[in-house]
């Protein structure tokens, strides 16, 4: 889970870094827009991966034998990790929602 959070943070940081490098003085709205677009793209990819894992699990459930059980367990673990990543991406980036850190909207 920590590695998933690191990957998400790194991607968002790289996206913001590219935004700052491309325009010397980008506005916060431009950076937020880019981060939200990147987050949306990542969510779409995670959704596609989840669909593929679900299809693979259905195929594996029809198999028999010890190797099929191992494959099914690996796919179940992969799906759990994909769902955790999806849940993490679904959360709004708190920095962009409240950059000052205050509790007032």
Protein backbone atom coordinates (compact mmCIF):
# COMPACT_ATOMS: atom_id res chain seq x y z
CA UNK A 1 0.00 0.00 0.00
CA UNK A 2 2.87 2.34 0.83
CA UNK A 3 4.40 1.71 -2.58
CA UNK A 4 1.09 2.54 -4.25
CA UNK A 5 0.92 5.82 -2.35
CA UNK A 6 4.51 6.60 -3.31
CA UNK A 7 3.76 5.95 -6.98
CA UNK A 8 0.68 8.18 -6.90
CA UNK A 9 2.59 10.93 -5.10
CA UNK A 10 5.51 10.68 -7.52
CA UNK A 11 3.25 10.88 -10.56
CA UNK A 12 1.47 13.93 -9.18
CA UNK A 13 4.79 15.55 -8.26
CA UNK A 14 6.21 14.86 -11.71
CA UNK A 15 3.10 16.27 -13.31
CA UNK A 16 3.42 19.43 -11.24
CA UNK A 17 7.15 19.60 -12.03
CA UNK A 18 6.45 19.43 -15.74
CA UNK A 19 3.87 22.17 -15.34
CA UNK A 20 6.35 24.42 -13.56
CA UNK A 21 9.11 23.72 -16.11
CA UNK A 22 6.87 24.47 -19.08
CA UNK A 23 5.59 27.79 -17.76
CA UNK A 24 7.75 29.87 -15.43
CA UNK A 25 4.77 31.19 -13.48
CA UNK A 26 1.84 28.78 -13.73
CA UNK A 27 -1.22 29.60 -11.75
CA UNK A 28 -2.51 27.27 -9.07
CA UNK A 29 -5.56 26.60 -11.23
CA UNK A 30 -3.33 25.38 -14.09
CA UNK A 31 -1.43 23.03 -11.78
CA UNK A 32 -4.66 21.79 -10.23
CA UNK A 33 -6.16 21.23 -13.67
CA UNK A 34 -3.14 19.21 -14.78
CA UNK A 35 -3.10 17.15 -11.59
CA UNK A 36 -6.82 16.45 -11.82
CA UNK A 37 -6.48 15.42 -15.48
CA UNK A 38 -3.60 13.11 -14.62
CA UNK A 39 -5.58 11.66 -11.72
CA UNK A 40 -8.55 11.12 -14.01
CA UNK A 41 -6.36 9.36 -16.58
CA UNK A 42 -4.87 7.14 -13.88
CA UNK A 43 -8.34 6.29 -12.57
CA UNK A 44 -9.41 5.25 -16.09
CA UNK A 45 -6.35 3.01 -16.40
CA UNK A 46 -6.96 1.47 -12.98
CA UNK A 47 -10.57 0.79 -13.95
CA UNK A 48 -9.41 -0.97 -17.13
CA UNK A 49 -6.92 -3.06 -15.13
CA UNK A 50 -9.64 -3.98 -12.64
CA UNK A 51 -11.87 -5.14 -15.50
CA UNK A 52 -9.05 -7.27 -16.92
CA UNK A 53 -8.27 -8.81 -13.53
CA UNK A 54 -11.95 -9.63 -13.02
CA UNK A 55 -12.07 -11.36 -16.41
CA UNK A 56 -8.91 -13.30 -15.59
CA UNK A 57 -10.38 -14.35 -12.24
CA UNK A 58 -13.49 -15.67 -13.99
CA UNK A 59 -11.30 -17.69 -16.35
CA UNK A 60 -9.13 -18.99 -13.52
CA UNK A 61 -12.13 -20.03 -11.45
CA UNK A 62 -13.04 -22.58 -14.13
CA UNK A 63 -9.61 -24.21 -13.93
CA UNK A 64 -8.81 -27.12 -11.66
CA UNK A 65 -5.67 -28.16 -9.82
CA UNK A 66 -3.12 -26.70 -7.48
CA UNK A 67 -1.70 -24.27 -10.01
CA UNK A 68 -5.18 -22.91 -10.65
CA UNK A 69 -5.61 -22.28 -6.93
CA UNK A 70 -2.29 -20.44 -6.78
CA UNK A 71 -3.23 -18.37 -9.84
CA UNK A 72 -6.63 -17.58 -8.34
CA UNK A 73 -4.99 -16.43 -5.09
CA UNK A 74 -2.51 -14.24 -6.98
CA UNK A 75 -5.31 -12.69 -9.02
CA UNK A 76 -7.35 -12.05 -5.89
CA UNK A 77 -4.35 -10.29 -4.32
CA UNK A 78 -3.81 -8.24 -7.48
CA UNK A 79 -7.46 -7.23 -7.55
CA UNK A 80 -7.25 -6.19 -3.88
CA UNK A 81 -4.26 -3.97 -4.66
CA UNK A 82 -5.98 -2.48 -7.72
CA UNK A 83 -9.06 -1.67 -5.64
CA UNK A 84 -6.87 -0.03 -2.98
CA UNK A 85 -5.19 2.10 -5.65
CA UNK A 86 -8.58 3.00 -7.10
CA UNK A 87 -9.82 4.06 -3.67
CA UNK A 88 -6.70 6.16 -3.11
CA UNK A 89 -7.11 7.87 -6.48
CA UNK A 90 -10.80 8.52 -5.80
CA UNK A 91 -9.92 10.65 -2.80
CA UNK A 92 -9.65 14.32 -3.63
CA UNK A 93 -6.12 15.71 -3.43
CA UNK A 94 -6.25 17.55 -0.14
CA UNK A 95 -3.53 20.05 -1.05
CA UNK A 96 -5.45 21.40 -4.02
CA UNK A 97 -8.73 21.46 -2.14
CA UNK A 98 -7.22 23.36 0.77
CA UNK A 99 -3.65 24.58 0.07
CA UNK A 100 -3.49 26.77 3.18
CA UNK A 101 -4.25 23.82 5.46
CA UNK A 102 -7.02 25.72 7.25
CA UNK A 103 -10.35 24.09 7.98
CA UNK A 104 -12.35 26.93 6.41
CA UNK A 105 -13.61 26.34 2.83
